[in-house]
C-alpha cells in the first residue's frame, strides 16, 4: 500500500510517535521489559492498538519494524503474549488499520 500524505496518515504519524515516546523515552516499564525479554534490543516500537489502565495493559506493537507483538499484562503478571509476522497481522486488518501499519513501518525505517 502506498501512502498519500493524507490527514489520516498525519494523525497516525503523530499518534505513533507519541506512543513510541511514552514507551521508549519515558519507559513504560512492564511492556518495555517484556518486549526486551522476548525480542532482545528494542530500537523502535510503535503502538498499533491497545490501551493502558491503572493495573492492566493490552497492546499490539510493531517492534523494530519486523515483528508484531501482542499481549496483556496485569500488574507485573504476563497474562498473554504472542509474536507474529507483519504479513500474518496484515491479513486481519481493515483498511484504516493497514494505513496505520504502513505509517508505523515508514517510521521504523526512519522516514
N, C-alpha and C. Protein backbone atom coordinates (compact mmCIF):
# COMPACT_ATOMS: atom_id res chain seq x y z
N UNK A 1 0.85 -1.18 0.00
CA UNK A 1 0.00 0.00 0.00
C UNK A 1 0.90 1.24 0.00
N UNK A 2 0.60 2.14 -0.90
CA UNK A 2 1.37 3.38 -0.99
C UNK A 2 0.66 4.47 -0.20
N UNK A 3 1.42 5.18 0.63
CA UNK A 3 0.85 6.27 1.42
C UNK A 3 0.72 7.53 0.58
N UNK A 4 -0.28 8.37 0.92
CA UNK A 4 -0.61 9.54 0.09
C UNK A 4 -0.46 10.87 0.82
N UNK A 5 0.13 10.88 2.01
CA UNK A 5 0.27 12.12 2.80
C UNK A 5 -1.08 12.72 3.18
N UNK A 6 -2.04 11.89 3.49
CA UNK A 6 -3.37 12.36 3.86
C UNK A 6 -3.40 12.83 5.32
N UNK A 7 -4.50 13.48 5.69
CA UNK A 7 -4.68 13.93 7.08
C UNK A 7 -4.70 12.73 8.01
N UNK A 8 -5.30 11.63 7.57
CA UNK A 8 -5.34 10.41 8.39
C UNK A 8 -3.93 9.92 8.68
N UNK A 9 -3.09 9.92 7.66
CA UNK A 9 -1.70 9.48 7.84
C UNK A 9 -0.95 10.41 8.80
N UNK A 10 -1.17 11.70 8.67
CA UNK A 10 -0.52 12.66 9.58
C UNK A 10 -0.98 12.43 11.02
N UNK A 11 -2.27 12.16 11.19
CA UNK A 11 -2.82 11.87 12.53
C UNK A 11 -2.16 10.61 13.10
N UNK A 12 -2.10 9.54 12.29
CA UNK A 12 -1.49 8.30 12.75
C UNK A 12 -0.01 8.51 13.08
N UNK A 13 0.69 9.27 12.26
CA UNK A 13 2.12 9.53 12.50
C UNK A 13 2.32 10.17 13.88
N UNK A 14 1.52 11.21 14.17
CA UNK A 14 1.64 11.89 15.46
C UNK A 14 1.31 10.94 16.61
N UNK A 15 0.25 10.15 16.45
CA UNK A 15 -0.16 9.20 17.48
C UNK A 15 0.93 8.14 17.71
N UNK A 16 1.48 7.61 16.64
CA UNK A 16 2.52 6.59 16.74
C UNK A 16 3.80 7.14 17.37
N UNK A 17 4.19 8.35 16.99
CA UNK A 17 5.38 8.96 17.58
C UNK A 17 5.20 9.22 19.06
N UNK A 18 4.02 9.68 19.45
CA UNK A 18 3.76 9.93 20.87
C UNK A 18 3.80 8.62 21.66
N UNK A 19 3.19 7.56 21.14
CA UNK A 19 3.21 6.26 21.81
C UNK A 19 4.61 5.71 21.96
N UNK A 20 5.43 5.88 20.90
CA UNK A 20 6.82 5.41 20.97
C UNK A 20 7.59 6.17 22.03
N UNK A 21 7.32 7.46 22.12
CA UNK A 21 7.98 8.29 23.14
C UNK A 21 7.63 7.81 24.54
N UNK A 22 6.37 7.55 24.77
CA UNK A 22 5.92 7.08 26.09
C UNK A 22 6.60 5.75 26.42
N UNK A 23 6.67 4.87 25.45
CA UNK A 23 7.24 3.54 25.69
C UNK A 23 8.75 3.58 25.86
N UNK A 24 9.44 4.22 24.93
CA UNK A 24 10.90 4.13 24.90
C UNK A 24 11.61 5.22 25.69
N UNK A 25 11.12 6.43 25.63
CA UNK A 25 11.82 7.53 26.28
C UNK A 25 11.40 7.70 27.74
N UNK A 26 10.13 7.55 28.01
CA UNK A 26 9.65 7.70 29.39
C UNK A 26 9.65 6.37 30.13
N UNK A 27 9.80 5.27 29.37
CA UNK A 27 9.96 3.97 29.99
C UNK A 27 8.70 3.37 30.58
N UNK A 28 7.77 2.95 29.72
CA UNK A 28 6.61 2.18 30.17
C UNK A 28 7.16 0.81 30.55
N UNK A 29 7.63 0.68 31.78
CA UNK A 29 8.49 -0.44 32.17
C UNK A 29 7.91 -1.83 32.00
N UNK A 30 6.68 -2.13 32.41
CA UNK A 30 6.22 -3.51 32.24
C UNK A 30 6.22 -3.98 30.78
N UNK A 31 5.74 -3.13 29.89
CA UNK A 31 5.70 -3.51 28.47
C UNK A 31 7.11 -3.54 27.90
N UNK A 32 7.91 -2.54 28.19
CA UNK A 32 9.27 -2.48 27.66
C UNK A 32 10.10 -3.68 28.12
N UNK A 33 10.01 -4.02 29.39
CA UNK A 33 10.75 -5.18 29.91
C UNK A 33 10.32 -6.46 29.19
N UNK A 34 9.03 -6.62 28.99
CA UNK A 34 8.51 -7.81 28.31
C UNK A 34 9.04 -7.87 26.87
N UNK A 35 8.99 -6.75 26.16
CA UNK A 35 9.48 -6.74 24.78
C UNK A 35 10.97 -7.04 24.71
N UNK A 36 11.74 -6.48 25.63
CA UNK A 36 13.19 -6.74 25.65
C UNK A 36 13.46 -8.22 25.93
N UNK A 37 12.70 -8.79 26.83
CA UNK A 37 12.86 -10.20 27.17
C UNK A 37 12.54 -11.09 25.98
N UNK A 38 11.49 -10.77 25.26
CA UNK A 38 11.02 -11.62 24.15
C UNK A 38 11.67 -11.32 22.81
N UNK A 39 12.15 -10.07 22.62
CA UNK A 39 12.64 -9.65 21.30
C UNK A 39 14.09 -9.18 21.30
N UNK A 40 14.71 -9.03 22.45
CA UNK A 40 16.07 -8.52 22.52
C UNK A 40 16.07 -7.00 22.53
N UNK A 41 17.10 -6.41 21.95
CA UNK A 41 17.24 -4.95 21.94
C UNK A 41 16.09 -4.32 21.16
N UNK A 42 15.52 -3.25 21.70
CA UNK A 42 14.40 -2.56 21.08
C UNK A 42 14.92 -1.23 20.52
N UNK A 43 14.89 -1.11 19.19
CA UNK A 43 15.32 0.12 18.52
C UNK A 43 14.15 1.01 18.18
N UNK A 44 13.00 0.38 17.90
CA UNK A 44 11.78 1.15 17.65
C UNK A 44 10.60 0.29 18.08
N UNK A 45 9.55 0.97 18.53
CA UNK A 45 8.34 0.27 18.96
C UNK A 45 7.16 1.23 18.81
N UNK A 46 6.18 0.82 18.02
CA UNK A 46 5.03 1.67 17.73
C UNK A 46 3.74 0.94 18.10
N UNK A 47 2.95 1.57 18.98
CA UNK A 47 1.66 1.02 19.40
C UNK A 47 0.70 1.06 18.22
N UNK A 48 0.23 -0.10 17.78
CA UNK A 48 -0.76 -0.16 16.72
C UNK A 48 -2.17 -0.16 17.30
N UNK A 49 -2.31 -0.74 18.47
CA UNK A 49 -3.59 -0.72 19.17
C UNK A 49 -3.36 -1.10 20.62
N UNK A 50 -4.40 -0.93 21.42
CA UNK A 50 -4.32 -1.30 22.82
C UNK A 50 -4.68 -0.16 23.73
N UNK A 51 -4.61 -0.42 25.00
CA UNK A 51 -4.90 0.60 25.99
C UNK A 51 -4.21 0.24 27.30
N UNK A 52 -4.06 1.26 28.13
CA UNK A 52 -3.41 1.09 29.43
C UNK A 52 -4.34 1.65 30.49
N UNK A 53 -4.66 0.82 31.46
CA UNK A 53 -5.43 1.23 32.63
C UNK A 53 -4.50 1.19 33.83
N UNK A 54 -5.00 1.49 34.99
CA UNK A 54 -4.16 1.57 36.19
C UNK A 54 -3.31 0.32 36.39
N UNK A 55 -3.89 -0.85 36.31
CA UNK A 55 -3.16 -2.08 36.61
C UNK A 55 -3.26 -3.09 35.47
N UNK A 56 -3.65 -2.64 34.29
CA UNK A 56 -3.86 -3.54 33.16
C UNK A 56 -3.36 -2.90 31.87
N UNK A 57 -2.65 -3.67 31.08
CA UNK A 57 -2.15 -3.19 29.79
C UNK A 57 -2.47 -4.22 28.72
N UNK A 58 -3.06 -3.75 27.63
CA UNK A 58 -3.38 -4.57 26.46
C UNK A 58 -2.71 -3.87 25.29
N UNK A 59 -1.92 -4.57 24.49
CA UNK A 59 -1.17 -3.88 23.45
C UNK A 59 -0.93 -4.73 22.22
N UNK A 60 -0.75 -4.04 21.11
CA UNK A 60 -0.29 -4.61 19.86
C UNK A 60 0.74 -3.61 19.34
N UNK A 61 2.00 -4.05 19.23
CA UNK A 61 3.12 -3.14 18.95
C UNK A 61 3.96 -3.68 17.80
N UNK A 62 4.34 -2.79 16.89
CA UNK A 62 5.32 -3.12 15.86
C UNK A 62 6.70 -2.89 16.48
N UNK A 63 7.50 -3.95 16.56
CA UNK A 63 8.81 -3.88 17.20
C UNK A 63 9.91 -3.96 16.15
N UNK A 64 10.79 -2.98 16.16
CA UNK A 64 11.95 -2.92 15.27
C UNK A 64 11.59 -3.04 13.79
N UNK A 65 10.36 -2.68 13.44
CA UNK A 65 9.92 -2.71 12.06
C UNK A 65 9.81 -4.09 11.46
N UNK A 66 9.84 -5.14 12.32
CA UNK A 66 9.91 -6.51 11.81
C UNK A 66 8.88 -7.47 12.41
N UNK A 67 8.46 -7.22 13.62
CA UNK A 67 7.63 -8.18 14.34
C UNK A 67 6.46 -7.47 15.01
N UNK A 68 5.32 -8.12 14.99
CA UNK A 68 4.16 -7.64 15.72
C UNK A 68 4.09 -8.41 17.02
N UNK A 69 3.99 -7.70 18.13
CA UNK A 69 3.87 -8.32 19.45
C UNK A 69 2.54 -7.90 20.06
N UNK A 70 1.78 -8.89 20.51
CA UNK A 70 0.50 -8.63 21.19
C UNK A 70 0.59 -9.22 22.58
N UNK A 71 -0.03 -8.54 23.53
CA UNK A 71 0.00 -9.08 24.87
C UNK A 71 -0.93 -8.37 25.83
N UNK A 72 -1.04 -8.97 27.00
CA UNK A 72 -1.80 -8.41 28.11
C UNK A 72 -0.98 -8.59 29.37
N UNK A 73 -0.92 -7.53 30.16
CA UNK A 73 -0.19 -7.56 31.43
C UNK A 73 -1.12 -7.02 32.50
N UNK A 74 -1.25 -7.75 33.59
CA UNK A 74 -1.99 -7.29 34.76
C UNK A 74 -0.98 -7.13 35.89
N UNK A 75 -0.82 -5.90 36.35
CA UNK A 75 0.22 -5.64 37.36
C UNK A 75 1.57 -5.97 36.77
N UNK A 76 2.25 -6.93 37.35
CA UNK A 76 3.54 -7.40 36.82
C UNK A 76 3.41 -8.77 36.17
N UNK A 77 2.19 -9.30 36.10
CA UNK A 77 1.96 -10.64 35.55
C UNK A 77 1.62 -10.60 34.08
N UNK A 78 2.30 -11.42 33.28
CA UNK A 78 2.01 -11.53 31.85
C UNK A 78 0.84 -12.50 31.69
N UNK A 79 -0.28 -11.98 31.21
CA UNK A 79 -1.47 -12.81 31.01
C UNK A 79 -1.38 -13.54 29.67
N UNK A 80 -0.87 -12.84 28.65
CA UNK A 80 -0.69 -13.47 27.33
C UNK A 80 0.36 -12.69 26.55
N UNK A 81 1.02 -13.39 25.62
CA UNK A 81 1.98 -12.74 24.74
C UNK A 81 2.07 -13.57 23.47
N UNK A 82 2.11 -12.86 22.34
CA UNK A 82 2.19 -13.53 21.05
C UNK A 82 3.02 -12.68 20.10
N UNK A 83 3.92 -13.33 19.36
CA UNK A 83 4.67 -12.66 18.30
C UNK A 83 4.14 -13.19 16.98
N UNK A 84 4.04 -12.30 15.99
CA UNK A 84 3.61 -12.73 14.66
C UNK A 84 4.30 -11.90 13.59
N UNK A 85 4.29 -12.42 12.39
CA UNK A 85 4.89 -11.70 11.28
C UNK A 85 3.97 -10.56 10.85
N UNK A 86 4.54 -9.60 10.16
CA UNK A 86 3.75 -8.49 9.65
C UNK A 86 2.71 -8.99 8.65
N UNK A 87 3.11 -9.92 7.78
CA UNK A 87 2.16 -10.43 6.78
C UNK A 87 0.99 -11.16 7.43
N UNK A 88 1.25 -11.90 8.49
CA UNK A 88 0.17 -12.58 9.21
C UNK A 88 -0.78 -11.57 9.85
N UNK A 89 -0.22 -10.53 10.44
CA UNK A 89 -1.02 -9.49 11.09
C UNK A 89 -1.86 -8.73 10.07
N UNK A 90 -1.29 -8.43 8.90
CA UNK A 90 -1.99 -7.67 7.86
C UNK A 90 -3.27 -8.34 7.39
N UNK A 91 -3.28 -9.66 7.38
CA UNK A 91 -4.44 -10.41 6.89
C UNK A 91 -5.72 -10.08 7.65
N UNK A 92 -5.58 -9.67 8.90
CA UNK A 92 -6.73 -9.46 9.77
C UNK A 92 -7.18 -8.00 9.84
N UNK A 93 -6.52 -7.12 9.09
CA UNK A 93 -6.76 -5.68 9.25
C UNK A 93 -7.78 -5.12 8.28
N UNK A 94 -8.54 -4.14 8.78
CA UNK A 94 -9.35 -3.34 7.88
C UNK A 94 -8.46 -2.24 7.31
N UNK A 95 -8.94 -1.53 6.31
CA UNK A 95 -8.11 -0.57 5.58
C UNK A 95 -7.49 0.50 6.48
N UNK A 96 -8.26 1.07 7.40
CA UNK A 96 -7.70 2.14 8.25
C UNK A 96 -6.55 1.62 9.10
N UNK A 97 -6.64 0.38 9.55
CA UNK A 97 -5.56 -0.19 10.35
C UNK A 97 -4.36 -0.54 9.47
N UNK A 98 -4.60 -0.87 8.20
CA UNK A 98 -3.49 -1.10 7.27
C UNK A 98 -2.71 0.19 7.05
N UNK A 99 -3.42 1.30 6.96
CA UNK A 99 -2.75 2.60 6.80
C UNK A 99 -1.88 2.89 8.01
N UNK A 100 -2.41 2.64 9.21
CA UNK A 100 -1.64 2.89 10.43
C UNK A 100 -0.38 2.02 10.46
N UNK A 101 -0.52 0.76 10.05
CA UNK A 101 0.64 -0.14 10.00
C UNK A 101 1.68 0.38 9.01
N UNK A 102 1.26 0.84 7.85
CA UNK A 102 2.19 1.36 6.84
C UNK A 102 2.93 2.59 7.36
N UNK A 103 2.22 3.46 8.06
CA UNK A 103 2.86 4.64 8.65
C UNK A 103 3.89 4.19 9.69
N UNK A 104 3.54 3.22 10.52
CA UNK A 104 4.47 2.70 11.53
C UNK A 104 5.70 2.08 10.87
N UNK A 105 5.50 1.38 9.77
CA UNK A 105 6.64 0.78 9.05
C UNK A 105 7.56 1.88 8.50
N UNK A 106 6.98 2.93 7.97
CA UNK A 106 7.78 4.07 7.50
C UNK A 106 8.59 4.69 8.64
N UNK A 107 7.94 4.90 9.78
CA UNK A 107 8.65 5.47 10.93
C UNK A 107 9.79 4.55 11.37
N UNK A 108 9.55 3.24 11.34
CA UNK A 108 10.58 2.28 11.74
C UNK A 108 11.79 2.34 10.82
N UNK A 109 11.55 2.72 9.58
CA UNK A 109 12.63 2.82 8.60
C UNK A 109 13.22 4.22 8.52
N UNK A 110 12.85 5.08 9.46
CA UNK A 110 13.44 6.41 9.55
C UNK A 110 12.91 7.43 8.56
N UNK A 111 11.71 7.20 8.05
CA UNK A 111 11.14 8.15 7.08
C UNK A 111 10.19 9.11 7.75
